Amino acid sequence: MLTLYGTEGCHLCHLAQDLLRTTNHAWQDVDIIDDDTLLARYETRIPVLQQGECELDWPFTLAELQAFLGMLDHPSC
C-alpha cells in the first residue's frame, strides 16, 4: 500500500491527496508531526508518497504520479 507522509493543515498535502483520488490506488495518510524520526526525515519534503524504498517528493504532476505508480510494478529505486 502507498503511504502519503504529510501533516494536518498542509495545503500541498491536500493537493497530493486530490491527485491520488484520480487514480485507482489506495493509500494511507501518515501525519509526521508527532513522530520525531518522521519529522526529521520529511519535514521540508512533504508531501511525500512512498511505497517500499520508492519515494516521490512534492511537487509532482498527475503525469509524474502516474509514472511513479506504473514504476511500482517494476521498481528500480
PDB file of N, CA and C in Angstrom:
ATOM      1  N   MET A   1       0.834  -1.181   0.000  1.00  0.00           N
ATOM      2  CA  MET A   1       0.000   0.000   0.000  1.00  0.00           C
ATOM      3  C   MET A   1       0.877   1.242   0.000  1.00  0.00           C
ATOM      4  N   LEU A   2       0.392   2.274  -0.643  1.00  0.00           N
ATOM      5  CA  LEU A   2       1.079   3.554  -0.682  1.00  0.00           C
ATOM      6  C   LEU A   2       0.912   4.286   0.646  1.00  0.00           C
ATOM      7  N   THR A   3       1.908   5.058   1.003  1.00  0.00           N
ATOM      8  CA  THR A   3       1.861   5.903   2.196  1.00  0.00           C
ATOM      9  C   THR A   3       2.114   7.333   1.753  1.00  0.00           C
ATOM     10  N   LEU A   4       1.260   8.241   2.214  1.00  0.00           N
ATOM     11  CA  LEU A   4       1.452   9.660   1.948  1.00  0.00           C
ATOM     12  C   LEU A   4       1.811  10.328   3.259  1.00  0.00           C
ATOM     13  N   TYR A   5       3.062  10.757   3.357  1.00  0.00           N
ATOM     14  CA  TYR A   5       3.530  11.455   4.546  1.00  0.00           C
ATOM     15  C   TYR A   5       3.192  12.932   4.421  1.00  0.00           C
ATOM     16  N   GLY A   6       2.634  13.484   5.480  1.00  0.00           N
ATOM     17  CA  GLY A   6       2.263  14.891   5.497  1.00  0.00           C
ATOM     18  C   GLY A   6       1.878  15.294   6.903  1.00  0.00           C
ATOM     19  N   THR A   7       1.078  16.333   6.993  1.00  0.00           N
ATOM     20  CA  THR A   7       0.579  16.778   8.286  1.00  0.00           C
ATOM     21  C   THR A   7      -0.723  17.527   8.088  1.00  0.00           C
ATOM     22  N   GLU A   8      -1.516  17.597   9.131  1.00  0.00           N
ATOM     23  CA  GLU A   8      -2.804  18.283   9.098  1.00  0.00           C
ATOM     24  C   GLU A   8      -2.598  19.757   8.767  1.00  0.00           C
ATOM     25  N   GLY A   9      -3.433  20.274   7.913  1.00  0.00           N
ATOM     26  CA  GLY A   9      -3.358  21.681   7.560  1.00  0.00           C
ATOM     27  C   GLY A   9      -2.370  22.007   6.456  1.00  0.00           C
ATOM     28  N   CYS A  10      -1.714  21.009   5.905  1.00  0.00           N
ATOM     29  CA  CYS A  10      -0.746  21.203   4.821  1.00  0.00           C
ATOM     30  C   CYS A  10      -1.516  21.256   3.498  1.00  0.00           C
ATOM     31  N   HIS A  11      -1.593  22.452   2.895  1.00  0.00           N
ATOM     32  CA  HIS A  11      -2.360  22.574   1.650  1.00  0.00           C
ATOM     33  C   HIS A  11      -1.731  21.787   0.505  1.00  0.00           C
ATOM     34  N   LEU A  12      -0.422  21.633   0.516  1.00  0.00           N
ATOM     35  CA  LEU A  12       0.225  20.826  -0.513  1.00  0.00           C
ATOM     36  C   LEU A  12      -0.153  19.351  -0.359  1.00  0.00           C
ATOM     37  N   CYS A  13      -0.301  18.909   0.877  1.00  0.00           N
ATOM     38  CA  CYS A  13      -0.722  17.527   1.140  1.00  0.00           C
ATOM     39  C   CYS A  13      -2.130  17.290   0.607  1.00  0.00           C
ATOM     40  N   HIS A  14      -2.994  18.280   0.746  1.00  0.00           N
ATOM     41  CA  HIS A  14      -4.357  18.172   0.216  1.00  0.00           C
ATOM     42  C   HIS A  14      -4.335  18.098  -1.304  1.00  0.00           C
ATOM     43  N   LEU A  15      -3.443  18.841  -1.931  1.00  0.00           N
ATOM     44  CA  LEU A  15      -3.307  18.764  -3.391  1.00  0.00           C
ATOM     45  C   LEU A  15      -2.841  17.376  -3.826  1.00  0.00           C
ATOM     46  N   ALA A  16      -1.889  16.814  -3.083  1.00  0.00           N
ATOM     47  CA  ALA A  16      -1.410  15.463  -3.391  1.00  0.00           C
ATOM     48  C   ALA A  16      -2.538  14.444  -3.221  1.00  0.00           C
ATOM     49  N   GLN A  17      -3.341  14.589  -2.174  1.00  0.00           N
ATOM     50  CA  GLN A  17      -4.478  13.695  -1.963  1.00  0.00           C
ATOM     51  C   GLN A  17      -5.468  13.799  -3.124  1.00  0.00           C
ATOM     52  N   ASP A  18      -5.716  15.017  -3.597  1.00  0.00           N
ATOM     53  CA  ASP A  18      -6.619  15.213  -4.735  1.00  0.00           C
ATOM     54  C   ASP A  18      -6.103  14.477  -5.961  1.00  0.00           C
ATOM     55  N   LEU A  19      -4.796  14.551  -6.221  1.00  0.00           N
ATOM     56  CA  LEU A  19      -4.225  13.824  -7.354  1.00  0.00           C
ATOM     57  C   LEU A  19      -4.367  12.318  -7.160  1.00  0.00           C
ATOM     58  N   LEU A  20      -4.103  11.846  -5.956  1.00  0.00           N
ATOM     59  CA  LEU A  20      -4.221  10.408  -5.684  1.00  0.00           C
ATOM     60  C   LEU A  20      -5.649   9.911  -5.884  1.00  0.00           C
ATOM     61  N   ARG A  21      -6.614  10.744  -5.569  1.00  0.00           N
ATOM     62  CA  ARG A  21      -8.018  10.344  -5.744  1.00  0.00           C
ATOM     63  C   ARG A  21      -8.374  10.089  -7.205  1.00  0.00           C
ATOM     64  N   THR A  22      -7.601  10.623  -8.132  1.00  0.00           N
ATOM     65  CA  THR A  22      -7.874  10.410  -9.555  1.00  0.00           C
ATOM     66  C   THR A  22      -7.331   9.066 -10.040  1.00  0.00           C
ATOM     67  N   THR A  23      -6.625   8.363  -9.178  1.00  0.00           N
ATOM     68  CA  THR A  23      -6.059   7.063  -9.536  1.00  0.00           C
ATOM     69  C   THR A  23      -6.892   5.956  -8.893  1.00  0.00           C
ATOM     70  N   ASN A  24      -6.570   4.726  -9.223  1.00  0.00           N
ATOM     71  CA  ASN A  24      -7.253   3.572  -8.630  1.00  0.00           C
ATOM     72  C   ASN A  24      -6.435   2.954  -7.503  1.00  0.00           C
ATOM     73  N   HIS A  25      -5.545   3.728  -6.922  1.00  0.00           N
ATOM     74  CA  HIS A  25      -4.655   3.215  -5.885  1.00  0.00           C
ATOM     75  C   HIS A  25      -5.114   3.657  -4.502  1.00  0.00           C
ATOM     76  N   ALA A  26      -5.055   2.730  -3.571  1.00  0.00           N
ATOM     77  CA  ALA A  26      -5.350   3.047  -2.173  1.00  0.00           C
ATOM     78  C   ALA A  26      -4.079   3.560  -1.516  1.00  0.00           C
ATOM     79  N   TRP A  27      -4.249   4.405  -0.528  1.00  0.00           N
ATOM     80  CA  TRP A  27      -3.108   4.910   0.225  1.00  0.00           C
ATOM     81  C   TRP A  27      -3.533   5.172   1.652  1.00  0.00           C
ATOM     82  N   GLN A  28      -2.530   5.278   2.511  1.00  0.00           N
ATOM     83  CA  GLN A  28      -2.783   5.676   3.894  1.00  0.00           C
ATOM     84  C   GLN A  28      -2.057   6.986   4.140  1.00  0.00           C
ATOM     85  N   ASP A  29      -2.698   7.879   4.867  1.00  0.00           N
ATOM     86  CA  ASP A  29      -2.072   9.136   5.265  1.00  0.00           C
ATOM     87  C   ASP A  29      -1.349   8.918   6.584  1.00  0.00           C
ATOM     88  N   VAL A  30      -0.123   9.403   6.677  1.00  0.00           N
ATOM     89  CA  VAL A  30       0.645   9.339   7.915  1.00  0.00           C
ATOM     90  C   VAL A  30       1.053  10.757   8.278  1.00  0.00           C
ATOM     91  N   ASP A  31       0.607  11.207   9.458  1.00  0.00           N
ATOM     92  CA  ASP A  31       0.947  12.533   9.943  1.00  0.00           C
ATOM     93  C   ASP A  31       2.306  12.462  10.628  1.00  0.00           C
ATOM     94  N   ILE A  32       3.238  13.267  10.156  1.00  0.00           N
ATOM     95  CA  ILE A  32       4.615  13.208  10.661  1.00  0.00           C
ATOM     96  C   ILE A  32       4.824  14.015  11.934  1.00  0.00           C
ATOM     97  N   ILE A  33       3.854  14.827  12.330  1.00  0.00           N
ATOM     98  CA  ILE A  33       4.074  15.825  13.363  1.00  0.00           C
ATOM     99  C   ILE A  33       4.406  15.241  14.740  1.00  0.00           C
ATOM    100  N   ASP A  34       3.880  14.079  15.061  1.00  0.00           N
ATOM    101  CA  ASP A  34       4.106  13.506  16.398  1.00  0.00           C
ATOM    102  C   ASP A  34       5.190  12.439  16.442  1.00  0.00           C
ATOM    103  N   ASP A  35       5.932  12.297  15.363  1.00  0.00           N
ATOM    104  CA  ASP A  35       6.984  11.286  15.294  1.00  0.00           C
ATOM    105  C   ASP A  35       8.288  11.986  14.943  1.00  0.00           C
ATOM    106  N   ASP A  36       9.198  12.085  15.906  1.00  0.00           N
ATOM    107  CA  ASP A  36      10.443  12.822  15.701  1.00  0.00           C
ATOM    108  C   ASP A  36      11.267  12.291  14.535  1.00  0.00           C
ATOM    109  N   THR A  37      11.268  10.986  14.348  1.00  0.00           N
ATOM    110  CA  THR A  37      12.030  10.393  13.250  1.00  0.00           C
ATOM    111  C   THR A  37      11.440  10.788  11.903  1.00  0.00           C
ATOM    112  N   LEU A  38      10.111  10.666  11.778  1.00  0.00           N
ATOM    113  CA  LEU A  38       9.452  11.055  10.528  1.00  0.00           C
ATOM    114  C   LEU A  38       9.572  12.557  10.292  1.00  0.00           C
ATOM    115  N   LEU A  39       9.442  13.327  11.346  1.00  0.00           N
ATOM    116  CA  LEU A  39       9.552  14.780  11.222  1.00  0.00           C
ATOM    117  C   LEU A  39      10.940  15.179  10.714  1.00  0.00           C
ATOM    118  N   ALA A  40      11.968  14.569  11.269  1.00  0.00           N
ATOM    119  CA  ALA A  40      13.333  14.872  10.830  1.00  0.00           C
ATOM    120  C   ALA A  40      13.545  14.470   9.372  1.00  0.00           C
ATOM    121  N   ARG A  41      12.944  13.371   8.958  1.00  0.00           N
ATOM    122  CA  ARG A  41      13.153  12.875   7.597  1.00  0.00           C
ATOM    123  C   ARG A  41      12.348  13.645   6.551  1.00  0.00           C
ATOM    124  N   TYR A  42      11.108  14.023   6.890  1.00  0.00           N
ATOM    125  CA  TYR A  42      10.193  14.546   5.882  1.00  0.00           C
ATOM    126  C   TYR A  42       9.782  16.006   6.062  1.00  0.00           C
ATOM    127  N   GLU A  43      10.202  16.649   7.129  1.00  0.00           N
ATOM    128  CA  GLU A  43       9.706  17.979   7.473  1.00  0.00           C
ATOM    129  C   GLU A  43       9.704  18.972   6.311  1.00  0.00           C
ATOM    130  N   THR A  44      10.776  19.039   5.575  1.00  0.00           N
ATOM    131  CA  THR A  44      10.869  20.016   4.481  1.00  0.00           C
ATOM    132  C   THR A  44      10.505  19.422   3.124  1.00  0.00           C
ATOM    133  N   ARG A  45      10.085  18.154   3.110  1.00  0.00           N
ATOM    134  CA  ARG A  45       9.813  17.471   1.842  1.00  0.00           C
ATOM    135  C   ARG A  45       8.336  17.184   1.607  1.00  0.00           C
ATOM    136  N   ILE A  46       7.482  17.310   2.634  1.00  0.00           N
ATOM    137  CA  ILE A  46       6.097  16.872   2.493  1.00  0.00           C
ATOM    138  C   ILE A  46       5.340  17.708   1.474  1.00  0.00           C
ATOM    139  N   PRO A  47       4.389  17.046   0.836  1.00  0.00           N
ATOM    140  CA  PRO A  47       4.026  15.647   0.958  1.00  0.00           C
ATOM    141  C   PRO A  47       4.987  14.731   0.211  1.00  0.00           C
ATOM    142  N   VAL A  48       5.150  13.539   0.748  1.00  0.00           N
ATOM    143  CA  VAL A  48       5.991  12.519   0.129  1.00  0.00           C
ATOM    144  C   VAL A  48       5.174  11.245   0.019  1.00  0.00           C
ATOM    145  N   LEU A  49       5.116  10.696  -1.180  1.00  0.00           N
ATOM    146  CA  LEU A  49       4.422   9.442  -1.422  1.00  0.00           C
ATOM    147  C   LEU A  49       5.462   8.332  -1.422  1.00  0.00           C
ATOM    148  N   GLN A  50       5.177   7.255  -0.708  1.00  0.00           N
ATOM    149  CA  GLN A  50       6.163   6.177  -0.576  1.00  0.00           C
ATOM    150  C   GLN A  50       5.498   4.823  -0.748  1.00  0.00           C
ATOM    151  N   GLN A  51       6.236   3.935  -1.393  1.00  0.00           N
ATOM    152  CA  GLN A  51       5.921   2.509  -1.365  1.00  0.00           C
ATOM    153  C   GLN A  51       7.244   1.780  -1.347  1.00  0.00           C
ATOM    154  N   GLY A  52       7.442   0.992  -0.299  1.00  0.00           N
ATOM    155  CA  GLY A  52       8.711   0.294  -0.134  1.00  0.00           C
ATOM    156  C   GLY A  52       9.839   1.303  -0.047  1.00  0.00           C
ATOM    157  N   GLU A  53      10.856   1.123  -0.876  1.00  0.00           N
ATOM    158  CA  GLU A  53      12.006   2.023  -0.905  1.00  0.00           C
ATOM    159  C   GLU A  53      11.805   3.196  -1.862  1.00  0.00           C
ATOM    160  N   CYS A  54      10.727   3.180  -2.612  1.00  0.00           N
ATOM    161  CA  CYS A  54      10.479   4.207  -3.622  1.00  0.00           C
ATOM    162  C   CYS A  54       9.714   5.381  -3.016  1.00  0.00           C
ATOM    163  N   GLU A  55      10.185   6.603  -3.293  1.00  0.00           N
ATOM    164  CA  GLU A  55       9.535   7.805  -2.798  1.00  0.00           C
ATOM    165  C   GLU A  55       9.388   8.822  -3.921  1.00  0.00           C
ATOM    166  N   LEU A  56       8.288   9.558  -3.853  1.00  0.00           N
ATOM    167  CA  LEU A  56       8.013  10.638  -4.787  1.00  0.00           C
ATOM    168  C   LEU A  56       7.751  11.885  -3.961  1.00  0.00           C
ATOM    169  N   ASP A  57       8.655  12.862  -4.079  1.00  0.00           N
ATOM    170  CA  ASP A  57       8.539  14.118  -3.328  1.00  0.00           C
ATOM    171  C   ASP A  57       7.691  15.126  -4.096  1.00  0.00           C
ATOM    172  N   TRP A  58       7.016  15.973  -3.349  1.00  0.00           N
ATOM    173  CA  TRP A  58       6.308  17.098  -3.927  1.00  0.00           C
ATOM    174  C   TRP A  58       7.331  18.128  -4.386  1.00  0.00           C
ATOM    175  N   PRO A  59       7.107  18.824  -5.472  1.00  0.00           N
ATOM    176  CA  PRO A  59       5.886  18.840  -6.270  1.00  0.00           C
ATOM    177  C   PRO A  59       5.906  17.732  -7.320  1.00  0.00           C
ATOM    178  N   PHE A  60       4.714  17.172  -7.577  1.00  0.00           N
ATOM    179  CA  PHE A  60       4.569  16.233  -8.675  1.00  0.00           C
ATOM    180  C   PHE A  60       3.250  16.477  -9.384  1.00  0.00           C
ATOM    181  N   THR A  61       3.286  16.254 -10.681  1.00  0.00           N
ATOM    182  CA  THR A  61       2.103  16.422 -11.525  1.00  0.00           C
ATOM    183  C   THR A  61       1.365  15.089 -11.603  1.00  0.00           C
ATOM    184  N   LEU A  62       0.184  15.123 -12.201  1.00  0.00           N
ATOM    185  CA  LEU A  62      -0.556  13.882 -12.396  1.00  0.00           C
ATOM    186  C   LEU A  62       0.249  12.924 -13.273  1.00  0.00           C
ATOM    187  N   ALA A  63       0.890  13.442 -14.300  1.00  0.00           N
ATOM    188  CA  ALA A  63       1.700  12.585 -15.177  1.00  0.00           C
ATOM    189  C   ALA A  63       2.857  11.954 -14.404  1.00  0.00           C
ATOM    190  N   GLU A  64       3.518  12.732 -13.551  1.00  0.00           N
ATOM    191  CA  GLU A  64       4.615  12.192 -12.740  1.00  0.00           C
ATOM    192  C   GLU A  64       4.104  11.174 -11.732  1.00  0.00           C
ATOM    193  N   LEU A  65       2.935  11.424 -11.166  1.00  0.00           N
ATOM    194  CA  LEU A  65       2.327  10.465 -10.239  1.00  0.00           C
ATOM    195  C   LEU A  65       2.015   9.163 -10.964  1.00  0.00           C
ATOM    196  N   GLN A  66       1.423   9.253 -12.138  1.00  0.00           N
ATOM    197  CA  GLN A  66       1.090   8.052 -12.899  1.00  0.00           C
ATOM    198  C   GLN A  66       2.343   7.270 -13.289  1.00  0.00           C
ATOM    199  N   ALA A  67       3.409   7.970 -13.640  1.00  0.00           N
ATOM    200  CA  ALA A  67       4.673   7.300 -13.973  1.00  0.00           C
ATOM    201  C   ALA A  67       5.229   6.596 -12.740  1.00  0.00           C
ATOM    202  N   PHE A  68       5.156   7.243 -11.585  1.00  0.00           N
ATOM    203  CA  PHE A  68       5.614   6.641 -10.335  1.00  0.00           C
ATOM    204  C   PHE A  68       4.802   5.388 -10.017  1.00  0.00           C
ATOM    205  N   LEU A  69       3.498   5.480 -10.145  1.00  0.00           N
ATOM    206  CA  LEU A  69       2.641   4.327  -9.852  1.00  0.00           C
ATOM    207  C   LEU A  69       2.910   3.189 -10.834  1.00  0.00           C
ATOM    208  N   GLY A  70       3.165   3.504 -12.088  1.00  0.00           N
ATOM    209  CA  GLY A  70       3.490   2.478 -13.076  1.00  0.00           C
ATOM    210  C   GLY A  70       4.823   1.821 -12.802  1.00  0.00           C
ATOM    211  N   MET A  71       5.769   2.612 -12.280  1.00  0.00           N
ATOM    212  CA  MET A  71       7.095   2.105 -11.952  1.00  0.00           C
ATOM    213  C   MET A  71       7.046   1.110 -10.799  1.00  0.00           C
ATOM    214  N   LEU A  72       6.035   1.221  -9.945  1.00  0.00           N
ATOM    215  CA  LEU A  72       5.961   0.340  -8.780  1.00  0.00           C
ATOM    216  C   LEU A  72       5.794  -1.121  -9.170  1.00  0.00           C
ATOM    217  N   ASP A  73       5.283  -1.366 -10.380  1.00  0.00           N
ATOM    218  CA  ASP A  73       5.180  -2.751 -10.860  1.00  0.00           C
ATOM    219  C   ASP A  73       6.561  -3.328 -11.181  1.00  0.00           C
ATOM    220  N   HIS A  74       7.513  -2.456 -11.466  1.00  0.00           N
ATOM    221  CA  HIS A  74       8.880  -2.854 -11.787  1.00  0.00           C
ATOM    222  C   HIS A  74       9.837  -1.895 -11.081  1.00  0.00           C
ATOM    223  N   PRO A  75       9.912  -1.962  -9.744  1.00  0.00           N
ATOM    224  CA  PRO A  75      10.686  -0.958  -9.012  1.00  0.00           C
ATOM    225  C   PRO A  75      12.161  -0.925  -9.413  1.00  0.00           C
ATOM    226  N   SER A  76      12.643   0.296  -9.567  1.00  0.00           N
ATOM    227  CA  SER A  76      14.059   0.472  -9.892  1.00  0.00           C
ATOM    228  C   SER A  76      14.720   1.438  -8.921  1.00  0.00           C
ATOM    229  N   CYS A  77      14.052   1.733  -7.829  1.00  0.00           N
ATOM    230  CA  CYS A  77      14.639   2.677  -6.871  1.00  0.00           C
ATOM    231  C   CYS A  77      15.160   1.926  -5.670  1.00  0.00           C
TER     232      CYS A  77
END
